[in-house]
C-alpha cells in the first residue's frame, strides 16, 4: 500500500518508529495473505488467509486512528486511507462469502 508508505515517510510519523513500522507491516500483510491463500489452491485455506487479511485491515485502521490522535496525519488523509481500507475489507468479505458458497 503505497499511500501508507507516503504517509509514514515524513514528519513526526516517520520518527515514531514503532507506529510507523506497525502500520507498514499491517499494510504489507493484507496483499501478502491474499496471495498466500490463493496459492494454496483450496477454497478452505484461501478463506482462512482472507480472514487474516481482514484482521490486518482492521489493525491498519486502528493505527490510523492513533496517527490521527497524535496529529501525524490530517483528517483528510485519514479519511482517504481509512475509506480505501474499508472498501478492501468489503471486497474481501464478498470474496469469502463467494468461496464459502462454491
PDB file of N, CA and C in Angstrom:
ATOM      1  N   UNK A   1       0.834  -1.178   0.000  1.00  0.00           N
ATOM      2  CA  UNK A   1       0.000   0.000   0.000  1.00  0.00           C
ATOM      3  C   UNK A   1       0.887   1.252   0.000  1.00  0.00           C
ATOM      4  N   UNK A   2       1.044   1.731  -1.189  1.00  0.00           N
ATOM      5  CA  UNK A   2       1.929   2.870  -1.418  1.00  0.00           C
ATOM      6  C   UNK A   2       1.535   4.095  -0.587  1.00  0.00           C
ATOM      7  N   UNK A   3       0.255   4.320  -0.408  1.00  0.00           N
ATOM      8  CA  UNK A   3      -0.188   5.506   0.335  1.00  0.00           C
ATOM      9  C   UNK A   3       0.255   5.439   1.804  1.00  0.00           C
ATOM     10  N   UNK A   4       0.285   4.256   2.373  1.00  0.00           N
ATOM     11  CA  UNK A   4       0.750   4.093   3.760  1.00  0.00           C
ATOM     12  C   UNK A   4       2.218   4.501   3.859  1.00  0.00           C
ATOM     13  N   UNK A   5       3.005   4.073   2.893  1.00  0.00           N
ATOM     14  CA  UNK A   5       4.421   4.440   2.907  1.00  0.00           C
ATOM     15  C   UNK A   5       4.597   5.949   2.755  1.00  0.00           C
ATOM     16  N   UNK A   6       3.799   6.557   1.902  1.00  0.00           N
ATOM     17  CA  UNK A   6       3.887   8.015   1.730  1.00  0.00           C
ATOM     18  C   UNK A   6       3.540   8.730   3.037  1.00  0.00           C
ATOM     19  N   UNK A   7       2.454   8.310   3.675  1.00  0.00           N
ATOM     20  CA  UNK A   7       2.025   8.962   4.920  1.00  0.00           C
ATOM     21  C   UNK A   7       3.040   8.820   6.043  1.00  0.00           C
ATOM     22  N   UNK A   8       3.722   7.694   6.060  1.00  0.00           N
ATOM     23  CA  UNK A   8       4.615   7.398   7.185  1.00  0.00           C
ATOM     24  C   UNK A   8       6.065   7.797   6.931  1.00  0.00           C
ATOM     25  N   UNK A   9       6.337   8.429   5.798  1.00  0.00           N
ATOM     26  CA  UNK A   9       7.715   8.744   5.432  1.00  0.00           C
ATOM     27  C   UNK A   9       8.164  10.151   5.801  1.00  0.00           C
ATOM     28  N   UNK A  10       7.276  10.951   6.370  1.00  0.00           N
ATOM     29  CA  UNK A  10       7.683  12.323   6.677  1.00  0.00           C
ATOM     30  C   UNK A  10       7.112  12.778   8.014  1.00  0.00           C
ATOM     31  N   UNK A  11       7.691  13.851   8.492  1.00  0.00           N
ATOM     32  CA  UNK A  11       7.209  14.478   9.717  1.00  0.00           C
ATOM     33  C   UNK A  11       7.361  13.603  10.945  1.00  0.00           C
ATOM     34  N   UNK A  12       6.506  13.872  11.909  1.00  0.00           N
ATOM     35  CA  UNK A  12       6.562  13.154  13.185  1.00  0.00           C
ATOM     36  C   UNK A  12       6.237  11.674  13.019  1.00  0.00           C
ATOM     37  N   UNK A  13       5.382  11.360  12.042  1.00  0.00           N
ATOM     38  CA  UNK A  13       5.026   9.958  11.818  1.00  0.00           C
ATOM     39  C   UNK A  13       6.277   9.142  11.498  1.00  0.00           C
ATOM     40  N   UNK A  14       7.160   9.681  10.692  1.00  0.00           N
ATOM     41  CA  UNK A  14       8.385   8.973  10.307  1.00  0.00           C
ATOM     42  C   UNK A  14       9.293   8.720  11.502  1.00  0.00           C
ATOM     43  N   UNK A  15       9.176   9.550  12.521  1.00  0.00           N
ATOM     44  CA  UNK A  15      10.038   9.424  13.699  1.00  0.00           C
ATOM     45  C   UNK A  15       9.449   8.515  14.768  1.00  0.00           C
ATOM     46  N   UNK A  16       8.165   8.198  14.657  1.00  0.00           N
ATOM     47  CA  UNK A  16       7.534   7.255  15.583  1.00  0.00           C
ATOM     48  C   UNK A  16       7.725   5.857  15.005  1.00  0.00           C
ATOM     49  N   UNK A  17       8.912   5.324  15.235  1.00  0.00           N
ATOM     50  CA  UNK A  17       9.320   4.088  14.585  1.00  0.00           C
ATOM     51  C   UNK A  17       8.371   2.932  14.876  1.00  0.00           C
ATOM     52  N   UNK A  18       7.888   2.824  16.085  1.00  0.00           N
ATOM     53  CA  UNK A  18       7.016   1.705  16.442  1.00  0.00           C
ATOM     54  C   UNK A  18       5.706   1.755  15.649  1.00  0.00           C
ATOM     55  N   UNK A  19       5.042   2.904  15.673  1.00  0.00           N
ATOM     56  CA  UNK A  19       3.768   3.018  14.960  1.00  0.00           C
ATOM     57  C   UNK A  19       3.984   2.947  13.457  1.00  0.00           C
ATOM     58  N   UNK A  20       5.003   3.619  12.973  1.00  0.00           N
ATOM     59  CA  UNK A  20       5.304   3.599  11.536  1.00  0.00           C
ATOM     60  C   UNK A  20       5.520   2.172  11.042  1.00  0.00           C
ATOM     61  N   UNK A  21       6.360   1.435  11.750  1.00  0.00           N
ATOM     62  CA  UNK A  21       6.663   0.068  11.323  1.00  0.00           C
ATOM     63  C   UNK A  21       5.448  -0.843  11.460  1.00  0.00           C
ATOM     64  N   UNK A  22       4.653  -0.639  12.500  1.00  0.00           N
ATOM     65  CA  UNK A  22       3.489  -1.497  12.726  1.00  0.00           C
ATOM     66  C   UNK A  22       2.434  -1.306  11.635  1.00  0.00           C
ATOM     67  N   UNK A  23       2.151  -0.076  11.268  1.00  0.00           N
ATOM     68  CA  UNK A  23       1.144   0.148  10.239  1.00  0.00           C
ATOM     69  C   UNK A  23       1.655  -0.327   8.875  1.00  0.00           C
ATOM     70  N   UNK A  24       2.943  -0.192   8.652  1.00  0.00           N
ATOM     71  CA  UNK A  24       3.514  -0.716   7.403  1.00  0.00           C
ATOM     72  C   UNK A  24       3.403  -2.229   7.349  1.00  0.00           C
ATOM     73  N   UNK A  25       3.705  -2.886   8.455  1.00  0.00           N
ATOM     74  CA  UNK A  25       3.587  -4.358   8.495  1.00  0.00           C
ATOM     75  C   UNK A  25       2.148  -4.793   8.257  1.00  0.00           C
ATOM     76  N   UNK A  26       1.204  -4.084   8.864  1.00  0.00           N
ATOM     77  CA  UNK A  26      -0.213  -4.428   8.659  1.00  0.00           C
ATOM     78  C   UNK A  26      -0.603  -4.246   7.197  1.00  0.00           C
ATOM     79  N   UNK A  27      -0.155  -3.155   6.596  1.00  0.00           N
ATOM     80  CA  UNK A  27      -0.486  -2.886   5.192  1.00  0.00           C
ATOM     81  C   UNK A  27       0.120  -3.941   4.269  1.00  0.00           C
ATOM     82  N   UNK A  28       1.341  -4.333   4.537  1.00  0.00           N
ATOM     83  CA  UNK A  28       2.001  -5.360   3.731  1.00  0.00           C
ATOM     84  C   UNK A  28       1.319  -6.711   3.909  1.00  0.00           C
ATOM     85  N   UNK A  29       0.833  -6.965   5.097  1.00  0.00           N
ATOM     86  CA  UNK A  29       0.200  -8.236   5.411  1.00  0.00           C
ATOM     87  C   UNK A  29      -1.080  -8.471   4.609  1.00  0.00           C
ATOM     88  N   UNK A  30      -1.768  -7.418   4.234  1.00  0.00           N
ATOM     89  CA  UNK A  30      -3.049  -7.570   3.525  1.00  0.00           C
ATOM     90  C   UNK A  30      -2.849  -8.300   2.193  1.00  0.00           C
ATOM     91  N   UNK A  31      -2.115  -7.727   1.233  1.00  0.00           N
ATOM     92  CA  UNK A  31      -1.967  -8.441  -0.039  1.00  0.00           C
ATOM     93  C   UNK A  31      -1.140  -9.714   0.089  1.00  0.00           C
ATOM     94  N   UNK A  32      -0.228  -9.743   1.054  1.00  0.00           N
ATOM     95  CA  UNK A  32       0.599 -10.939   1.229  1.00  0.00           C
ATOM     96  C   UNK A  32      -0.248 -12.139   1.620  1.00  0.00           C
ATOM     97  N   UNK A  33      -1.188 -11.944   2.539  1.00  0.00           N
ATOM     98  CA  UNK A  33      -2.050 -13.047   2.959  1.00  0.00           C
ATOM     99  C   UNK A  33      -3.035 -13.447   1.864  1.00  0.00           C
ATOM    100  N   UNK A  34      -3.503 -12.481   1.098  1.00  0.00           N
ATOM    101  CA  UNK A  34      -4.388 -12.811  -0.024  1.00  0.00           C
ATOM    102  C   UNK A  34      -3.627 -13.668  -1.031  1.00  0.00           C
ATOM    103  N   UNK A  35      -2.413 -13.267  -1.361  1.00  0.00           N
ATOM    104  CA  UNK A  35      -1.609 -14.032  -2.315  1.00  0.00           C
ATOM    105  C   UNK A  35      -1.281 -15.424  -1.786  1.00  0.00           C
ATOM    106  N   UNK A  36      -0.899 -15.500  -0.530  1.00  0.00           N
ATOM    107  CA  UNK A  36      -0.551 -16.806   0.036  1.00  0.00           C
ATOM    108  C   UNK A  36      -1.764 -17.728   0.060  1.00  0.00           C
ATOM    109  N   UNK A  37      -2.901 -17.197   0.445  1.00  0.00           N
ATOM    110  CA  UNK A  37      -4.114 -18.012   0.461  1.00  0.00           C
ATOM    111  C   UNK A  37      -4.493 -18.500  -0.920  1.00  0.00           C
ATOM    112  N   UNK A  38      -4.384 -17.627  -1.909  1.00  0.00           N
ATOM    113  CA  UNK A  38      -4.705 -18.006  -3.277  1.00  0.00           C
ATOM    114  C   UNK A  38      -3.793 -19.128  -3.761  1.00  0.00           C
ATOM    115  N   UNK A  39      -2.536 -19.065  -3.376  1.00  0.00           N
ATOM    116  CA  UNK A  39      -1.565 -20.063  -3.842  1.00  0.00           C
ATOM    117  C   UNK A  39      -1.815 -21.449  -3.240  1.00  0.00           C
ATOM    118  N   UNK A  40      -2.600 -21.529  -2.204  1.00  0.00           N
ATOM    119  CA  UNK A  40      -2.877 -22.820  -1.559  1.00  0.00           C
ATOM    120  C   UNK A  40      -3.793 -23.705  -2.397  1.00  0.00           C
ATOM    121  N   UNK A  41      -4.499 -23.129  -3.342  1.00  0.00           N
ATOM    122  CA  UNK A  41      -5.361 -23.871  -4.278  1.00  0.00           C
ATOM    123  C   UNK A  41      -6.481 -24.647  -3.589  1.00  0.00           C
ATOM    124  N   UNK A  42      -6.921 -24.119  -2.460  1.00  0.00           N
ATOM    125  CA  UNK A  42      -8.033 -24.723  -1.722  1.00  0.00           C
ATOM    126  C   UNK A  42      -8.896 -23.582  -1.211  1.00  0.00           C
ATOM    127  N   UNK A  43     -10.197 -23.649  -1.483  1.00  0.00           N
ATOM    128  CA  UNK A  43     -11.088 -22.578  -1.018  1.00  0.00           C
ATOM    129  C   UNK A  43     -11.040 -22.436   0.494  1.00  0.00           C
ATOM    130  N   UNK A  44     -10.983 -23.559   1.186  1.00  0.00           N
ATOM    131  CA  UNK A  44     -10.974 -23.520   2.656  1.00  0.00           C
ATOM    132  C   UNK A  44      -9.748 -22.771   3.188  1.00  0.00           C
ATOM    133  N   UNK A  45      -8.593 -23.082   2.641  1.00  0.00           N
ATOM    134  CA  UNK A  45      -7.376 -22.399   3.090  1.00  0.00           C
ATOM    135  C   UNK A  45      -7.366 -20.940   2.620  1.00  0.00           C
ATOM    136  N   UNK A  46      -7.859 -20.697   1.413  1.00  0.00           N
ATOM    137  CA  UNK A  46      -7.924 -19.330   0.903  1.00  0.00           C
ATOM    138  C   UNK A  46      -8.763 -18.471   1.838  1.00  0.00           C
ATOM    139  N   UNK A  47      -9.917 -18.997   2.244  1.00  0.00           N
ATOM    140  CA  UNK A  47     -10.792 -18.256   3.164  1.00  0.00           C
ATOM    141  C   UNK A  47     -10.069 -17.957   4.468  1.00  0.00           C
ATOM    142  N   UNK A  48      -9.322 -18.922   4.977  1.00  0.00           N
ATOM    143  CA  UNK A  48      -8.576 -18.719   6.224  1.00  0.00           C
ATOM    144  C   UNK A  48      -7.607 -17.539   6.085  1.00  0.00           C
ATOM    145  N   UNK A  49      -6.896 -17.464   4.974  1.00  0.00           N
ATOM    146  CA  UNK A  49      -5.953 -16.369   4.760  1.00  0.00           C
ATOM    147  C   UNK A  49      -6.672 -15.044   4.491  1.00  0.00           C
ATOM    148  N   UNK A  50      -7.846 -15.111   3.887  1.00  0.00           N
ATOM    149  CA  UNK A  50      -8.625 -13.881   3.685  1.00  0.00           C
ATOM    150  C   UNK A  50      -9.058 -13.293   5.029  1.00  0.00           C
ATOM    151  N   UNK A  51      -9.397 -14.157   5.980  1.00  0.00           N
ATOM    152  CA  UNK A  51      -9.744 -13.656   7.318  1.00  0.00           C
ATOM    153  C   UNK A  51      -8.534 -13.014   7.996  1.00  0.00           C
ATOM    154  N   UNK A  52      -7.363 -13.568   7.774  1.00  0.00           N
ATOM    155  CA  UNK A  52      -6.150 -12.959   8.323  1.00  0.00           C
ATOM    156  C   UNK A  52      -5.943 -11.586   7.690  1.00  0.00           C
ATOM    157  N   UNK A  53      -6.153 -11.493   6.376  1.00  0.00           N
ATOM    158  CA  UNK A  53      -6.030 -10.204   5.686  1.00  0.00           C
ATOM    159  C   UNK A  53      -7.018  -9.193   6.255  1.00  0.00           C
ATOM    160  N   UNK A  54      -8.266  -9.636   6.529  1.00  0.00           N
ATOM    161  CA  UNK A  54      -9.249  -8.729   7.123  1.00  0.00           C
ATOM    162  C   UNK A  54      -8.796  -8.248   8.497  1.00  0.00           C
ATOM    163  N   UNK A  55      -8.154  -9.111   9.255  1.00  0.00           N
ATOM    164  CA  UNK A  55      -7.611  -8.703  10.546  1.00  0.00           C
ATOM    165  C   UNK A  55      -6.544  -7.634  10.388  1.00  0.00           C
ATOM    166  N   UNK A  56      -5.720  -7.774   9.366  1.00  0.00           N
ATOM    167  CA  UNK A  56      -4.682  -6.777   9.100  1.00  0.00           C
ATOM    168  C   UNK A  56      -5.296  -5.448   8.670  1.00  0.00           C
ATOM    169  N   UNK A  57      -6.392  -5.508   7.943  1.00  0.00           N
ATOM    170  CA  UNK A  57      -7.113  -4.279   7.567  1.00  0.00           C
ATOM    171  C   UNK A  57      -7.582  -3.552   8.822  1.00  0.00           C
ATOM    172  N   UNK A  58      -8.203  -4.287   9.727  1.00  0.00           N
ATOM    173  CA  UNK A  58      -8.678  -3.681  10.976  1.00  0.00           C
ATOM    174  C   UNK A  58      -7.527  -3.119  11.797  1.00  0.00           C
ATOM    175  N   UNK A  59      -6.426  -3.833  11.805  1.00  0.00           N
ATOM    176  CA  UNK A  59      -5.246  -3.360  12.529  1.00  0.00           C
ATOM    177  C   UNK A  59      -4.757  -2.038  11.939  1.00  0.00           C
ATOM    178  N   UNK A  60      -4.654  -1.961  10.624  1.00  0.00           N
ATOM    179  CA  UNK A  60      -4.198  -0.729   9.979  1.00  0.00           C
ATOM    180  C   UNK A  60      -5.173   0.424  10.240  1.00  0.00           C
ATOM    181  N   UNK A  61      -6.467   0.132  10.230  1.00  0.00           N
ATOM    182  CA  UNK A  61      -7.451   1.181  10.517  1.00  0.00           C
ATOM    183  C   UNK A  61      -7.304   1.698  11.942  1.00  0.00           C
ATOM    184  N   UNK A  62      -7.061   0.817  12.874  1.00  0.00           N
ATOM    185  CA  UNK A  62      -6.847   1.227  14.264  1.00  0.00           C
ATOM    186  C   UNK A  62      -5.604   2.100  14.386  1.00  0.00           C
ATOM    187  N   UNK A  63      -4.555   1.727  13.689  1.00  0.00           N
ATOM    188  CA  UNK A  63      -3.319   2.504  13.741  1.00  0.00           C
ATOM    189  C   UNK A  63      -3.492   3.868  13.085  1.00  0.00           C
ATOM    190  N   UNK A  64      -4.379   3.944  12.091  1.00  0.00           N
ATOM    191  CA  UNK A  64      -4.702   5.249  11.505  1.00  0.00           C
ATOM    192  C   UNK A  64      -5.351   6.163  12.544  1.00  0.00           C
ATOM    193  N   UNK A  65      -6.239   5.597  13.367  1.00  0.00           N
ATOM    194  CA  UNK A  65      -6.855   6.395  14.441  1.00  0.00           C
ATOM    195  C   UNK A  65      -5.789   6.929  15.394  1.00  0.00           C
ATOM    196  N   UNK A  66      -4.827   6.088  15.713  1.00  0.00           N
ATOM    197  CA  UNK A  66      -3.749   6.514  16.609  1.00  0.00           C
ATOM    198  C   UNK A  66      -2.950   7.639  15.958  1.00  0.00           C
ATOM    199  N   UNK A  67      -2.632   7.470  14.677  1.00  0.00           N
ATOM    200  CA  UNK A  67      -1.877   8.504  13.954  1.00  0.00           C
ATOM    201  C   UNK A  67      -2.660   9.817  13.910  1.00  0.00           C
ATOM    202  N   UNK A  68      -3.957   9.725  13.727  1.00  0.00           N
ATOM    203  CA  UNK A  68      -4.791  10.926  13.725  1.00  0.00           C
ATOM    204  C   UNK A  68      -4.794  11.579  15.107  1.00  0.00           C
ATOM    205  N   UNK A  69      -4.953  10.768  16.142  1.00  0.00           N
ATOM    206  CA  UNK A  69      -4.941  11.298  17.517  1.00  0.00           C
ATOM    207  C   UNK A  69      -3.614  11.979  17.856  1.00  0.00           C
ATOM    208  N   UNK A  70      -2.526  11.458  17.303  1.00  0.00           N
ATOM    209  CA  UNK A  70      -1.204  12.035  17.550  1.00  0.00           C
ATOM    210  C   UNK A  70      -0.901  13.204  16.624  1.00  0.00           C
ATOM    211  N   UNK A  71      -1.845  13.510  15.749  1.00  0.00           N
ATOM    212  CA  UNK A  71      -1.722  14.588  14.760  1.00  0.00           C
ATOM    213  C   UNK A  71      -0.576  14.343  13.779  1.00  0.00           C
ATOM    214  N   UNK A  72      -0.344  13.061  13.476  1.00  0.00           N
ATOM    215  CA  UNK A  72       0.644  12.697  12.473  1.00  0.00           C
ATOM    216  C   UNK A  72       0.071  12.839  11.068  1.00  0.00           C
ATOM    217  N   UNK A  73      -1.250  12.725  10.955  1.00  0.00           N
ATOM    218  CA  UNK A  73      -1.923  12.816   9.656  1.00  0.00           C
ATOM    219  C   UNK A  73      -3.132  13.732   9.787  1.00  0.00           C
ATOM    220  N   UNK A  74      -3.538  14.273   8.661  1.00  0.00           N
ATOM    221  CA  UNK A  74      -4.710  15.147   8.647  1.00  0.00           C
ATOM    222  C   UNK A  74      -5.988  14.307   8.623  1.00  0.00           C
ATOM    223  N   UNK A  75      -7.090  14.953   8.926  1.00  0.00           N
ATOM    224  CA  UNK A  75      -8.392  14.299   8.856  1.00  0.00           C
ATOM    225  C   UNK A  75      -8.663  13.814   7.428  1.00  0.00           C
ATOM    226  N   UNK A  76      -8.260  14.609   6.442  1.00  0.00           N
ATOM    227  CA  UNK A  76      -8.485  14.240   5.039  1.00  0.00           C
ATOM    228  C   UNK A  76      -7.691  12.994   4.659  1.00  0.00           C
ATOM    229  N   UNK A  77      -6.425  12.941   5.062  1.00  0.00           N
ATOM    230  CA  UNK A  77      -5.601  11.771   4.778  1.00  0.00           C
ATOM    231  C   UNK A  77      -6.156  10.542   5.492  1.00  0.00           C
ATOM    232  N   UNK A  78      -6.566  10.741   6.734  1.00  0.00           N
ATOM    233  CA  UNK A  78      -7.163   9.647   7.498  1.00  0.00           C
ATOM    234  C   UNK A  78      -8.354   9.075   6.748  1.00  0.00           C
ATOM    235  N   UNK A  79      -9.266   9.955   6.332  1.00  0.00           N
ATOM    236  CA  UNK A  79     -10.491   9.505   5.663  1.00  0.00           C
ATOM    237  C   UNK A  79     -10.179   8.777   4.367  1.00  0.00           C
ATOM    238  N   UNK A  80      -9.263   9.317   3.591  1.00  0.00           N
ATOM    239  CA  UNK A  80      -8.913   8.690   2.314  1.00  0.00           C
ATOM    240  C   UNK A  80      -8.396   7.267   2.511  1.00  0.00           C
ATOM    241  N   UNK A  81      -7.458   7.099   3.424  1.00  0.00           N
ATOM    242  CA  UNK A  81      -6.854   5.786   3.632  1.00  0.00           C
ATOM    243  C   UNK A  81      -7.831   4.852   4.334  1.00  0.00           C
ATOM    244  N   UNK A  82      -8.530   5.360   5.351  1.00  0.00           N
ATOM    245  CA  UNK A  82      -9.498   4.531   6.077  1.00  0.00           C
ATOM    246  C   UNK A  82     -10.573   4.020   5.128  1.00  0.00           C
ATOM    247  N   UNK A  83     -11.108   4.900   4.304  1.00  0.00           N
ATOM    248  CA  UNK A  83     -12.158   4.506   3.363  1.00  0.00           C
ATOM    249  C   UNK A  83     -11.638   3.496   2.342  1.00  0.00           C
ATOM    250  N   UNK A  84     -10.410   3.671   1.897  1.00  0.00           N
ATOM    251  CA  UNK A  84      -9.813   2.703   0.980  1.00  0.00           C
ATOM    252  C   UNK A  84      -9.688   1.331   1.618  1.00  0.00           C
ATOM    253  N   UNK A  85      -9.270   1.307   2.868  1.00  0.00           N
ATOM    254  CA  UNK A  85      -9.179   0.038   3.591  1.00  0.00           C
ATOM    255  C   UNK A  85     -10.558  -0.573   3.803  1.00  0.00           C
ATOM    256  N   UNK A  86     -11.547   0.265   4.048  1.00  0.00           N
ATOM    257  CA  UNK A  86     -12.923  -0.221   4.233  1.00  0.00           C
ATOM    258  C   UNK A  86     -13.439  -0.874   2.945  1.00  0.00           C
ATOM    259  N   UNK A  87     -13.112  -0.286   1.810  1.00  0.00           N
ATOM    260  CA  UNK A  87     -13.500  -0.866   0.523  1.00  0.00           C
ATOM    261  C   UNK A  87     -12.849  -2.234   0.334  1.00  0.00           C
ATOM    262  N   UNK A  88     -11.573  -2.328   0.661  1.00  0.00           N
ATOM    263  CA  UNK A  88     -10.874  -3.613   0.552  1.00  0.00           C
ATOM    264  C   UNK A  88     -11.493  -4.637   1.494  1.00  0.00           C
ATOM    265  N   UNK A  89     -11.861  -4.220   2.694  1.00  0.00           N
ATOM    266  CA  UNK A  89     -12.487  -5.131   3.660  1.00  0.00           C
ATOM    267  C   UNK A  89     -13.807  -5.670   3.108  1.00  0.00           C
ATOM    268  N   UNK A  90     -14.610  -4.806   2.514  1.00  0.00           N
ATOM    269  CA  UNK A  90     -15.897  -5.242   1.950  1.00  0.00           C
ATOM    270  C   UNK A  90     -15.691  -6.194   0.781  1.00  0.00           C
ATOM    271  N   UNK A  91     -14.726  -5.898  -0.073  1.00  0.00           N
ATOM    272  CA  UNK A  91     -14.433  -6.781  -1.204  1.00  0.00           C
ATOM    273  C   UNK A  91     -13.955  -8.143  -0.700  1.00  0.00           C
ATOM    274  N   UNK A  92     -13.143  -8.132   0.319  1.00  0.00           N
ATOM    275  CA  UNK A  92     -12.636  -9.374   0.892  1.00  0.00           C
ATOM    276  C   UNK A  92     -13.771 -10.185   1.500  1.00  0.00           C
ATOM    277  N   UNK A  93     -14.695  -9.514   2.168  1.00  0.00           N
ATOM    278  CA  UNK A  93     -15.855 -10.208   2.745  1.00  0.00           C
ATOM    279  C   UNK A  93     -16.713 -10.852   1.662  1.00  0.00           C
ATOM    280  N   UNK A  94     -16.897 -10.132   0.566  1.00  0.00           N
ATOM    281  CA  UNK A  94     -17.679 -10.698  -0.538  1.00  0.00           C
ATOM    282  C   UNK A  94     -16.978 -11.920  -1.141  1.00  0.00           C
ATOM    283  N   UNK A  95     -15.664 -11.858  -1.243  1.00  0.00           N
ATOM    284  CA  UNK A  95     -14.916 -12.996  -1.758  1.00  0.00           C
ATOM    285  C   UNK A  95     -15.022 -14.190  -0.807  1.00  0.00           C
ATOM    286  N   UNK A  96     -14.964 -13.943   0.477  1.00  0.00           N
ATOM    287  CA  UNK A  96     -15.127 -15.015   1.468  1.00  0.00           C
ATOM    288  C   UNK A  96     -16.493 -15.669   1.299  1.00  0.00           C
ATOM    289  N   UNK A  97     -17.527 -14.865   1.185  1.00  0.00           N
ATOM    290  CA  UNK A  97     -18.890 -15.397   1.001  1.00  0.00           C
ATOM    291  C   UNK A  97     -18.960 -16.255  -0.252  1.00  0.00           C
ATOM    292  N   UNK A  98     -18.409 -15.735  -1.351  1.00  0.00           N
ATOM    293  CA  UNK A  98     -18.418 -16.467  -2.619  1.00  0.00           C
ATOM    294  C   UNK A  98     -17.701 -17.828  -2.464  1.00  0.00           C
ATOM    295  N   UNK A  99     -16.518 -17.821  -1.870  1.00  0.00           N
ATOM    296  CA  UNK A  99     -15.733 -19.051  -1.743  1.00  0.00           C
ATOM    297  C   UNK A  99     -16.415 -20.056  -0.824  1.00  0.00           C
ATOM    298  N   UNK A 100     -17.086 -19.586   0.185  1.00  0.00           N
ATOM    299  CA  UNK A 100     -17.786 -20.492   1.104  1.00  0.00           C
ATOM    300  C   UNK A 100     -18.994 -21.146   0.432  1.00  0.00           C
ATOM    301  N   UNK A 101     -19.589 -20.442  -0.522  1.00  0.00           N
ATOM    302  CA  UNK A 101     -20.764 -20.988  -1.221  1.00  0.00           C
ATOM    303  C   UNK A 101     -20.388 -21.850  -2.413  1.00  0.00           C
ATOM    304  N   UNK A 102     -19.122 -21.766  -2.840  1.00  0.00           N
ATOM    305  CA  UNK A 102     -18.697 -22.513  -4.039  1.00  0.00           C
ATOM    306  C   UNK A 102     -18.523 -24.002  -3.750  1.00  0.00           C
TER     307      UNK A 102
END
